[in-house]
Each structure stands twice: as C-alpha cells, then as structure tokens.
Amino acid sequence: MAVSIKNGFKRFGNGNLVLNNINVNVSSGEIYGILGASGCGKTTLLSCVVGLRQLDSGQVTVCDQSRPHNLGSFCGYMPQETALVNVLTIREVLKYFGLLYGMETKEIETGLSN
C-alpha cells in the first residue's frame, strides 16, 4: 500500500471529533479523491498523512513507514484555501515548507526554537 490508515481518530482541543474511525487503503499508482463538506476532516486527514499532524489513535502508514518522516521530499499537499496560515499554525507552515525542501525534522525544530 502506498497509503494506509487504520482506525484513525482525531479530536481538536474543544473535544470536537473530526476523524472517527477512518480506514483507507490507497495502492501505489491509484488516484484517490477526498470529497466532503467544509469542516468534515479532509485537510486534517491529509495533514496526518504527510506528517504535519498526528492521529490521536490509529495508524498511518505511508510507503511501508508507520511514522512518516521527511515526506516533503516526495509528498505534499495544498489545502483548498490558498493561504496555509488560514489552515495551519505558523509552526506547522514552517515545518511543512521545511519538509518540502528536504530538511530533517531535527533541523527544522532547531530553527523554530531559535
């Protein structure tokens, strides 16, 4: 599987359940569309796949890696809004672009803490 999500759950701080037992398998070479109403969890799901967010419980596997690291070298996403800062925190935006440019997570975190 290129992407596999098993029993994925994600809540936000206010207790709002955004992902409720999500199970998805996408084989290599498949094109997979995610459709749904605003606020249903599409962006949250994709941000968990690319490693910007973590599920509260469940497992994301990308190319046989159970914890995706440095996916920015071959995997990225752009939310519906053109400005990432409307969807992600500033820290998440900087991490996202760092990963896109092939930076190591440790290097990004060091830069963010300075």
Protein backbone atom coordinates (compact mmCIF):
# COMPACT_ATOMS: atom_id res chain seq x y z
CA MET A 1 0.00 0.00 0.00
CA ALA A 2 1.18 3.50 -0.77
CA VAL A 3 -1.06 4.93 1.99
CA SER A 4 -2.92 3.03 4.68
CA ILE A 5 -4.92 4.49 7.55
CA LYS A 6 -6.33 2.12 10.15
CA ASN A 7 -8.83 3.06 12.85
CA GLY A 8 -7.91 6.75 12.65
CA PHE A 9 -9.32 9.09 15.29
CA LYS A 10 -8.59 12.80 15.71
CA ARG A 11 -10.12 15.34 18.08
CA PHE A 12 -9.35 19.00 18.45
CA GLY A 13 -8.90 20.88 21.74
CA ASN A 14 -12.59 21.60 22.16
CA GLY A 15 -13.30 17.84 22.07
CA ASN A 16 -14.72 18.07 18.55
CA LEU A 17 -14.32 14.65 16.90
CA VAL A 18 -13.06 15.33 13.37
CA LEU A 19 -11.93 11.86 12.26
CA ASN A 20 -13.99 8.97 13.55
CA ASN A 21 -12.54 5.51 12.88
CA ILE A 22 -11.19 6.32 9.40
CA ASN A 23 -9.96 3.33 7.38
CA VAL A 24 -8.39 3.98 3.96
CA ASN A 25 -6.09 1.98 1.69
CA VAL A 26 -4.57 3.53 -1.43
CA SER A 27 -2.37 1.34 -3.61
CA SER A 28 0.64 2.64 -5.46
CA GLY A 29 -0.41 4.22 -8.76
CA GLU A 30 -4.01 4.84 -7.67
CA ILE A 31 -5.59 8.27 -7.78
CA TYR A 32 -7.79 8.81 -4.76
CA GLY A 33 -10.13 11.74 -4.25
CA ILE A 34 -11.35 13.01 -0.90
CA LEU A 35 -14.65 14.84 -1.07
CA GLY A 36 -16.79 16.28 1.67
CA ALA A 37 -18.34 19.33 3.21
CA SER A 38 -16.28 22.09 4.76
CA GLY A 39 -15.09 21.03 8.21
CA CYS A 40 -15.57 17.29 7.71
CA GLY A 41 -11.86 16.46 8.19
CA LYS A 42 -10.34 16.31 4.70
CA THR A 43 -7.45 18.66 5.47
CA THR A 44 -6.94 17.09 8.89
CA LEU A 45 -6.71 13.65 7.30
CA LEU A 46 -4.21 14.79 4.68
CA SER A 47 -2.10 16.64 7.26
CA CYS A 48 -1.89 13.39 9.25
CA VAL A 49 -0.82 11.50 6.11
CA VAL A 50 2.01 13.94 5.31
CA GLY A 51 3.14 14.04 8.95
CA LEU A 52 2.16 17.58 9.92
CA ARG A 53 -0.34 16.29 12.50
CA GLN A 54 -0.62 13.02 14.38
CA LEU A 55 -3.76 10.97 14.88
CA ASP A 56 -4.99 10.72 18.46
CA SER A 57 -5.26 6.97 17.88
CA GLY A 58 -4.94 4.67 14.91
CA GLN A 59 -2.13 4.19 12.45
CA VAL A 60 -0.95 5.96 9.30
CA THR A 61 1.41 4.04 7.03
CA VAL A 62 2.99 5.72 4.01
CA CYS A 63 5.20 3.61 1.74
CA ASP A 64 5.63 1.00 4.49
CA GLN A 65 6.69 3.58 7.12
CA SER A 66 4.38 3.54 10.14
CA ARG A 67 5.52 7.02 11.26
CA PRO A 68 6.11 9.14 8.17
CA HIS A 69 9.33 11.15 8.39
CA ASN A 70 10.61 13.71 5.90
CA LEU A 71 7.81 13.09 3.41
CA GLY A 72 8.41 16.53 1.96
CA SER A 73 10.94 15.08 -0.46
CA PHE A 74 8.17 13.27 -2.37
CA CYS A 75 4.81 14.03 -0.78
CA GLY A 76 3.00 17.29 -0.21
CA TYR A 77 -0.46 18.76 -0.20
CA MET A 78 -2.15 22.10 -0.66
CA PRO A 79 -5.39 22.76 1.19
CA GLN A 80 -8.35 24.28 -0.60
CA GLU A 81 -7.51 27.74 0.72
CA THR A 82 -4.50 29.26 -0.97
CA ALA A 83 -3.05 30.57 2.30
CA LEU A 84 -1.76 27.80 4.55
CA VAL A 85 -1.81 30.14 7.55
CA ASN A 86 -5.62 30.02 7.50
CA VAL A 87 -5.47 26.23 7.99
CA LEU A 88 -2.23 25.56 9.87
CA THR A 89 -0.38 27.26 12.68
CA ILE A 90 2.72 29.27 11.75
CA ARG A 91 4.85 26.49 13.28
CA GLU A 92 3.08 23.90 11.09
CA VAL A 93 3.55 26.05 7.95
CA LEU A 94 7.28 26.39 8.61
CA LYS A 95 7.59 22.65 9.27
CA TYR A 96 5.62 21.90 6.10
CA PHE A 97 7.89 24.01 3.91
CA GLY A 98 11.00 22.70 5.66
CA LEU A 99 9.94 19.15 4.83
CA LEU A 100 9.11 20.14 1.24
CA TYR A 101 12.67 21.39 0.86
CA GLY A 102 14.13 18.17 2.26
CA MET A 103 15.15 19.46 5.68
CA GLU A 104 15.46 16.97 8.52
CA THR A 105 12.85 17.30 11.29
CA LYS A 106 15.62 17.95 13.84
CA GLU A 107 17.00 20.78 11.70
CA ILE A 108 13.52 22.34 11.39
CA GLU A 109 12.87 22.10 15.13
CA THR A 110 16.26 23.69 15.89
CA GLY A 111 15.42 26.60 13.59
CA LEU A 112 11.97 27.01 15.14
CA SER A 113 13.38 27.14 18.67
CA ASN A 114 15.87 29.92 17.86
